[in-house]
């Protein structure tokens, strides 16, 4: 990316991040625009935590059942 100081525009120039030797100073609006997609998704967390808890409880009781049937 490159920054044009005259216009205040940020432009992609196709350089790989390893080759880039410039800094881009972002404003608050630019930061908020980029960070919107990285928000914590509570619905996904709740679903994943629920499935993990369900698999733990199911595995626990399956182990108890196997132990009970083995005696």
C-alpha atoms as a PDB file:
ATOM      1  CA  UNK A   1       0.000   0.000   0.000  1.00  0.00           C
ATOM      2  CA  UNK A   2       1.078   3.519  -0.481  1.00  0.00           C
ATOM      3  CA  UNK A   3      -0.176   6.786   0.930  1.00  0.00           C
ATOM      4  CA  UNK A   4      -0.551   9.947  -1.123  1.00  0.00           C
ATOM      5  CA  UNK A   5      -0.005  12.873   1.236  1.00  0.00           C
ATOM      6  CA  UNK A   6      -1.518  15.378  -1.184  1.00  0.00           C
ATOM      7  CA  UNK A   7      -4.880  13.656  -1.541  1.00  0.00           C
ATOM      8  CA  UNK A   8      -4.900  11.659   1.692  1.00  0.00           C
ATOM      9  CA  UNK A   9      -5.676   8.484  -0.258  1.00  0.00           C
ATOM     10  CA  UNK A  10      -4.375   4.998   0.443  1.00  0.00           C
ATOM     11  CA  UNK A  11      -3.719   2.949  -2.676  1.00  0.00           C
ATOM     12  CA  UNK A  12      -2.810  -0.669  -3.248  1.00  0.00           C
ATOM     13  CA  UNK A  13       0.256  -1.032  -5.407  1.00  0.00           C
ATOM     14  CA  UNK A  14       0.590  -4.824  -5.482  1.00  0.00           C
ATOM     15  CA  UNK A  15       3.676  -5.070  -3.288  1.00  0.00           C
ATOM     16  CA  UNK A  16       4.017  -8.041  -0.974  1.00  0.00           C
ATOM     17  CA  UNK A  17       4.012  -7.144   2.747  1.00  0.00           C
ATOM     18  CA  UNK A  18       7.615  -8.356   3.053  1.00  0.00           C
ATOM     19  CA  UNK A  19       8.755  -5.834   0.419  1.00  0.00           C
ATOM     20  CA  UNK A  20       6.820  -2.834   1.733  1.00  0.00           C
ATOM     21  CA  UNK A  21       9.089  -0.315   3.455  1.00  0.00           C
ATOM     22  CA  UNK A  22       6.583   2.469   4.073  1.00  0.00           C
ATOM     23  CA  UNK A  23       4.242   3.260   6.944  1.00  0.00           C
ATOM     24  CA  UNK A  24       0.551   3.975   6.651  1.00  0.00           C
ATOM     25  CA  UNK A  25      -0.996   6.140   9.346  1.00  0.00           C
ATOM     26  CA  UNK A  26      -4.663   5.353   9.663  1.00  0.00           C
ATOM     27  CA  UNK A  27      -7.373   7.567  10.980  1.00  0.00           C
ATOM     28  CA  UNK A  28     -10.064   6.454  13.402  1.00  0.00           C
ATOM     29  CA  UNK A  29     -12.585   5.941  10.594  1.00  0.00           C
ATOM     30  CA  UNK A  30     -10.193   3.725   8.636  1.00  0.00           C
ATOM     31  CA  UNK A  31      -9.444   1.649  11.733  1.00  0.00           C
ATOM     32  CA  UNK A  32     -13.135   1.151  12.504  1.00  0.00           C
ATOM     33  CA  UNK A  33     -13.809   0.162   8.896  1.00  0.00           C
ATOM     34  CA  UNK A  34     -11.080  -2.489   8.992  1.00  0.00           C
ATOM     35  CA  UNK A  35     -11.911  -3.816  12.446  1.00  0.00           C
ATOM     36  CA  UNK A  36     -15.657  -4.268  11.885  1.00  0.00           C
ATOM     37  CA  UNK A  37     -15.162  -7.748  10.391  1.00  0.00           C
ATOM     38  CA  UNK A  38     -13.132  -8.880  13.394  1.00  0.00           C
ATOM     39  CA  UNK A  39     -15.802  -8.374  16.017  1.00  0.00           C
ATOM     40  CA  UNK A  40     -16.437 -11.150  18.536  1.00  0.00           C
ATOM     41  CA  UNK A  41     -19.367 -13.243  17.361  1.00  0.00           C
ATOM     42  CA  UNK A  42     -21.361 -14.322  20.418  1.00  0.00           C
ATOM     43  CA  UNK A  43     -23.649 -16.614  18.407  1.00  0.00           C
ATOM     44  CA  UNK A  44     -20.731 -18.688  17.133  1.00  0.00           C
ATOM     45  CA  UNK A  45     -19.179 -18.773  20.610  1.00  0.00           C
ATOM     46  CA  UNK A  46     -22.441 -19.887  22.215  1.00  0.00           C
ATOM     47  CA  UNK A  47     -22.933 -22.618  19.613  1.00  0.00           C
ATOM     48  CA  UNK A  48     -19.360 -23.902  19.939  1.00  0.00           C
ATOM     49  CA  UNK A  49     -19.435 -23.835  23.744  1.00  0.00           C
ATOM     50  CA  UNK A  50     -22.794 -25.626  23.771  1.00  0.00           C
ATOM     51  CA  UNK A  51     -21.564 -28.337  21.425  1.00  0.00           C
ATOM     52  CA  UNK A  52     -18.409 -28.851  23.480  1.00  0.00           C
ATOM     53  CA  UNK A  53     -20.425 -29.122  26.675  1.00  0.00           C
ATOM     54  CA  UNK A  54     -22.844 -31.562  25.045  1.00  0.00           C
ATOM     55  CA  UNK A  55     -20.010 -33.745  23.760  1.00  0.00           C
ATOM     56  CA  UNK A  56     -18.376 -33.745  27.214  1.00  0.00           C
ATOM     57  CA  UNK A  57     -21.578 -34.794  28.974  1.00  0.00           C
ATOM     58  CA  UNK A  58     -22.379 -37.405  26.326  1.00  0.00           C
ATOM     59  CA  UNK A  59     -18.866 -38.848  26.524  1.00  0.00           C
ATOM     60  CA  UNK A  60     -18.987 -38.900  30.294  1.00  0.00           C
ATOM     61  CA  UNK A  61     -22.254 -40.831  30.410  1.00  0.00           C
ATOM     62  CA  UNK A  62     -21.158 -43.148  27.587  1.00  0.00           C
ATOM     63  CA  UNK A  63     -18.055 -43.981  29.626  1.00  0.00           C
ATOM     64  CA  UNK A  64     -20.182 -44.647  32.687  1.00  0.00           C
ATOM     65  CA  UNK A  65     -22.454 -46.909  30.635  1.00  0.00           C
ATOM     66  CA  UNK A  66     -19.512 -48.861  29.220  1.00  0.00           C
ATOM     67  CA  UNK A  67     -18.070 -49.229  32.721  1.00  0.00           C
ATOM     68  CA  UNK A  68     -21.441 -50.400  34.070  1.00  0.00           C
ATOM     69  CA  UNK A  69     -21.883 -52.936  31.235  1.00  0.00           C
ATOM     70  CA  UNK A  70     -18.358 -54.242  31.762  1.00  0.00           C
ATOM     71  CA  UNK A  71     -19.057 -55.359  35.324  1.00  0.00           C
END
